[in-house]
Amino acid sequence: MIHGTGIYDESSAICKSSIHSGVLDNRGGFVTVKVGWSHKNFKASTSFGISSIEMSWAHKSFFTSKTINWHKKLSLE
């Protein structure tokens, strides 16, 4: 289960959120996770076959991006 679109709440699955946002496909891969602070108004949507749920507020949030040069550096930012 994931909450949000582009920015997700801390309880959302990282892999599903990454596919939903178009960073990953069903084959998987490497992503960079950027952790954020509290966030309001997580919007629901359906993208790449995955539906997200609306949420009004969460203490922490995150978003993902493609990891560049994953073979040189793997990190959680």
N, C-alpha and C. Protein backbone atom coordinates (compact mmCIF):
# COMPACT_ATOMS: atom_id res chain seq x y z
N MET A 1 0.85 -1.17 0.00
CA MET A 1 0.00 0.00 0.00
C MET A 1 0.90 1.24 0.00
N ILE A 2 0.50 2.22 -0.79
CA ILE A 2 1.24 3.49 -0.81
C ILE A 2 0.27 4.66 -0.68
N HIS A 3 0.74 5.73 -0.09
CA HIS A 3 -0.04 6.95 0.09
C HIS A 3 0.69 8.09 -0.63
N GLY A 4 0.05 8.71 -1.60
CA GLY A 4 0.63 9.88 -2.24
C GLY A 4 0.92 9.69 -3.71
N THR A 5 1.42 10.76 -4.32
CA THR A 5 1.81 10.77 -5.72
C THR A 5 3.06 11.63 -5.84
N GLY A 6 4.18 11.02 -6.15
CA GLY A 6 5.44 11.75 -6.24
C GLY A 6 6.14 11.89 -4.90
N ILE A 7 5.40 12.32 -3.90
CA ILE A 7 5.87 12.36 -2.51
C ILE A 7 4.98 11.40 -1.74
N TYR A 8 5.61 10.49 -0.99
CA TYR A 8 4.88 9.41 -0.33
C TYR A 8 5.11 9.48 1.18
N ASP A 9 4.14 8.95 1.94
CA ASP A 9 4.31 8.94 3.39
C ASP A 9 5.28 7.84 3.80
N GLU A 10 5.81 7.95 5.01
CA GLU A 10 6.87 7.05 5.47
C GLU A 10 6.47 5.57 5.54
N SER A 11 5.18 5.28 5.59
CA SER A 11 4.75 3.88 5.67
C SER A 11 4.57 3.23 4.29
N SER A 12 4.73 4.00 3.22
CA SER A 12 4.56 3.48 1.86
C SER A 12 5.74 2.59 1.47
N ALA A 13 5.45 1.57 0.68
CA ALA A 13 6.48 0.66 0.19
C ALA A 13 7.38 1.39 -0.82
N ILE A 14 8.69 1.33 -0.61
CA ILE A 14 9.62 2.06 -1.47
C ILE A 14 9.58 1.55 -2.91
N CYS A 15 9.59 0.25 -3.13
CA CYS A 15 9.59 -0.27 -4.49
C CYS A 15 8.30 0.09 -5.24
N LYS A 16 7.15 -0.11 -4.60
CA LYS A 16 5.88 0.24 -5.25
C LYS A 16 5.80 1.73 -5.52
N SER A 17 6.27 2.56 -4.59
CA SER A 17 6.26 4.00 -4.78
C SER A 17 7.15 4.40 -5.96
N SER A 18 8.29 3.73 -6.08
CA SER A 18 9.22 4.01 -7.18
C SER A 18 8.64 3.63 -8.53
N ILE A 19 7.93 2.52 -8.60
CA ILE A 19 7.25 2.12 -9.84
C ILE A 19 6.13 3.10 -10.14
N HIS A 20 5.33 3.45 -9.14
CA HIS A 20 4.22 4.38 -9.29
C HIS A 20 4.69 5.72 -9.84
N SER A 21 5.86 6.18 -9.40
CA SER A 21 6.37 7.48 -9.85
C SER A 21 7.18 7.38 -11.15
N GLY A 22 7.38 6.16 -11.66
CA GLY A 22 8.08 5.99 -12.93
C GLY A 22 9.59 5.89 -12.82
N VAL A 23 10.10 5.80 -11.60
CA VAL A 23 11.54 5.68 -11.39
C VAL A 23 12.03 4.27 -11.68
N LEU A 24 11.23 3.27 -11.34
CA LEU A 24 11.54 1.86 -11.59
C LEU A 24 10.48 1.26 -12.50
N ASP A 25 10.82 0.11 -13.10
CA ASP A 25 9.79 -0.68 -13.77
C ASP A 25 9.68 -2.01 -13.01
N ASN A 26 8.91 -2.93 -13.53
CA ASN A 26 8.68 -4.20 -12.83
C ASN A 26 9.92 -5.06 -12.69
N ARG A 27 10.99 -4.72 -13.41
CA ARG A 27 12.23 -5.50 -13.31
C ARG A 27 13.07 -5.10 -12.11
N GLY A 28 12.72 -3.99 -11.45
CA GLY A 28 13.47 -3.54 -10.28
C GLY A 28 14.65 -2.67 -10.67
N GLY A 29 15.57 -2.52 -9.76
CA GLY A 29 16.75 -1.70 -9.99
C GLY A 29 17.15 -0.96 -8.74
N PHE A 30 17.93 0.10 -8.93
CA PHE A 30 18.44 0.89 -7.82
C PHE A 30 17.77 2.26 -7.81
N VAL A 31 17.44 2.75 -6.63
CA VAL A 31 16.86 4.08 -6.48
C VAL A 31 17.56 4.80 -5.34
N THR A 32 17.51 6.11 -5.38
CA THR A 32 17.96 6.94 -4.28
C THR A 32 16.72 7.42 -3.55
N VAL A 33 16.71 7.26 -2.24
CA VAL A 33 15.57 7.68 -1.43
C VAL A 33 15.93 8.98 -0.71
N LYS A 34 15.14 10.01 -0.92
CA LYS A 34 15.32 11.28 -0.23
C LYS A 34 14.23 11.38 0.83
N VAL A 35 14.63 11.48 2.09
CA VAL A 35 13.69 11.53 3.20
C VAL A 35 13.34 12.98 3.48
N GLY A 36 12.04 13.23 3.67
CA GLY A 36 11.58 14.57 3.97
C GLY A 36 10.89 14.63 5.32
N TRP A 37 10.45 15.81 5.68
CA TRP A 37 9.76 16.03 6.95
C TRP A 37 8.26 15.85 6.77
N SER A 38 7.50 16.41 7.67
CA SER A 38 6.04 16.26 7.59
C SER A 38 5.52 16.85 6.28
N HIS A 39 4.41 16.31 5.85
CA HIS A 39 3.83 16.72 4.57
C HIS A 39 2.31 16.63 4.67
N LYS A 40 1.63 17.55 4.00
CA LYS A 40 0.17 17.56 3.98
C LYS A 40 -0.33 17.18 2.60
N ASN A 41 -1.53 16.64 2.57
CA ASN A 41 -2.26 16.38 1.32
C ASN A 41 -1.55 15.45 0.34
N PHE A 42 -1.40 14.21 0.73
CA PHE A 42 -0.90 13.19 -0.19
C PHE A 42 -2.06 12.83 -1.12
N LYS A 43 -1.88 13.05 -2.41
CA LYS A 43 -2.96 12.83 -3.38
C LYS A 43 -2.97 11.39 -3.89
N ALA A 44 -4.15 10.86 -4.10
CA ALA A 44 -4.32 9.52 -4.66
C ALA A 44 -4.23 9.58 -6.18
N SER A 45 -3.70 8.53 -6.78
CA SER A 45 -3.67 8.43 -8.24
C SER A 45 -3.36 6.99 -8.64
N THR A 46 -3.53 6.71 -9.92
CA THR A 46 -3.13 5.43 -10.48
C THR A 46 -2.11 5.71 -11.57
N SER A 47 -0.96 5.05 -11.47
CA SER A 47 0.12 5.26 -12.42
C SER A 47 0.91 3.97 -12.57
N PHE A 48 1.23 3.61 -13.81
CA PHE A 48 1.99 2.40 -14.10
C PHE A 48 1.39 1.16 -13.45
N GLY A 49 0.05 1.10 -13.40
CA GLY A 49 -0.66 -0.05 -12.88
C GLY A 49 -0.75 -0.12 -11.37
N ILE A 50 -0.30 0.90 -10.66
CA ILE A 50 -0.34 0.91 -9.20
C ILE A 50 -1.20 2.08 -8.74
N SER A 51 -2.12 1.80 -7.83
CA SER A 51 -2.98 2.85 -7.28
C SER A 51 -2.49 3.26 -5.90
N SER A 52 -2.48 4.56 -5.66
CA SER A 52 -2.11 5.07 -4.35
C SER A 52 -3.37 5.59 -3.65
N ILE A 53 -3.26 5.79 -2.35
CA ILE A 53 -4.38 6.21 -1.53
C ILE A 53 -4.10 7.63 -1.02
N GLU A 54 -5.16 8.42 -0.92
CA GLU A 54 -5.06 9.77 -0.38
C GLU A 54 -4.79 9.72 1.12
N MET A 55 -4.05 10.70 1.60
CA MET A 55 -3.77 10.80 3.03
C MET A 55 -3.65 12.29 3.36
N SER A 56 -4.16 12.72 4.50
CA SER A 56 -4.19 14.15 4.80
C SER A 56 -2.87 14.67 5.39
N TRP A 57 -2.13 13.85 6.16
CA TRP A 57 -0.92 14.34 6.80
C TRP A 57 -0.07 13.16 7.26
N ALA A 58 1.25 13.32 7.21
CA ALA A 58 2.16 12.33 7.76
C ALA A 58 3.35 13.04 8.37
N HIS A 59 3.89 12.46 9.42
CA HIS A 59 5.03 13.04 10.14
C HIS A 59 6.28 13.09 9.26
N LYS A 60 6.51 12.05 8.45
CA LYS A 60 7.66 12.01 7.55
C LYS A 60 7.21 11.61 6.16
N SER A 61 8.00 11.99 5.17
CA SER A 61 7.70 11.68 3.78
C SER A 61 8.99 11.31 3.06
N PHE A 62 8.85 10.82 1.84
CA PHE A 62 10.03 10.53 1.01
C PHE A 62 9.66 10.60 -0.46
N PHE A 63 10.67 10.72 -1.30
CA PHE A 63 10.50 10.52 -2.73
C PHE A 63 11.74 9.81 -3.24
N THR A 64 11.63 9.20 -4.40
CA THR A 64 12.75 8.45 -4.96
C THR A 64 13.16 9.03 -6.30
N SER A 65 14.41 8.77 -6.66
CA SER A 65 14.93 9.15 -7.97
C SER A 65 15.86 8.04 -8.45
N LYS A 66 16.16 8.05 -9.72
CA LYS A 66 17.07 7.03 -10.25
C LYS A 66 18.45 7.22 -9.66
N THR A 67 19.10 6.12 -9.33
CA THR A 67 20.46 6.16 -8.81
C THR A 67 21.41 6.16 -10.00
N ILE A 68 22.28 7.15 -10.04
CA ILE A 68 23.28 7.26 -11.11
C ILE A 68 24.58 6.66 -10.60
N ASN A 69 25.26 5.91 -11.46
CA ASN A 69 26.52 5.26 -11.11
C ASN A 69 26.38 4.35 -9.90
N TRP A 70 25.33 3.52 -9.89
CA TRP A 70 25.06 2.64 -8.76
C TRP A 70 26.21 1.70 -8.46
N HIS A 71 27.00 1.35 -9.47
CA HIS A 71 28.11 0.43 -9.25
C HIS A 71 29.27 1.09 -8.51
N LYS A 72 29.29 2.42 -8.46
CA LYS A 72 30.34 3.13 -7.76
C LYS A 72 29.95 3.50 -6.34
N LYS A 73 28.67 3.77 -6.13
CA LYS A 73 28.24 4.25 -4.82
C LYS A 73 26.79 3.85 -4.58
N LEU A 74 26.52 3.17 -3.50
CA LEU A 74 25.16 2.87 -3.07
C LEU A 74 24.95 3.60 -1.77
N SER A 75 23.93 4.43 -1.71
CA SER A 75 23.73 5.20 -0.49
C SER A 75 22.28 5.48 -0.24
N LEU A 76 21.96 5.79 0.97
CA LEU A 76 20.65 6.27 1.38
C LEU A 76 20.84 7.71 1.81
N GLU A 77 20.23 8.63 1.06
CA GLU A 77 20.40 10.06 1.39
C GLU A 77 19.23 10.57 2.18
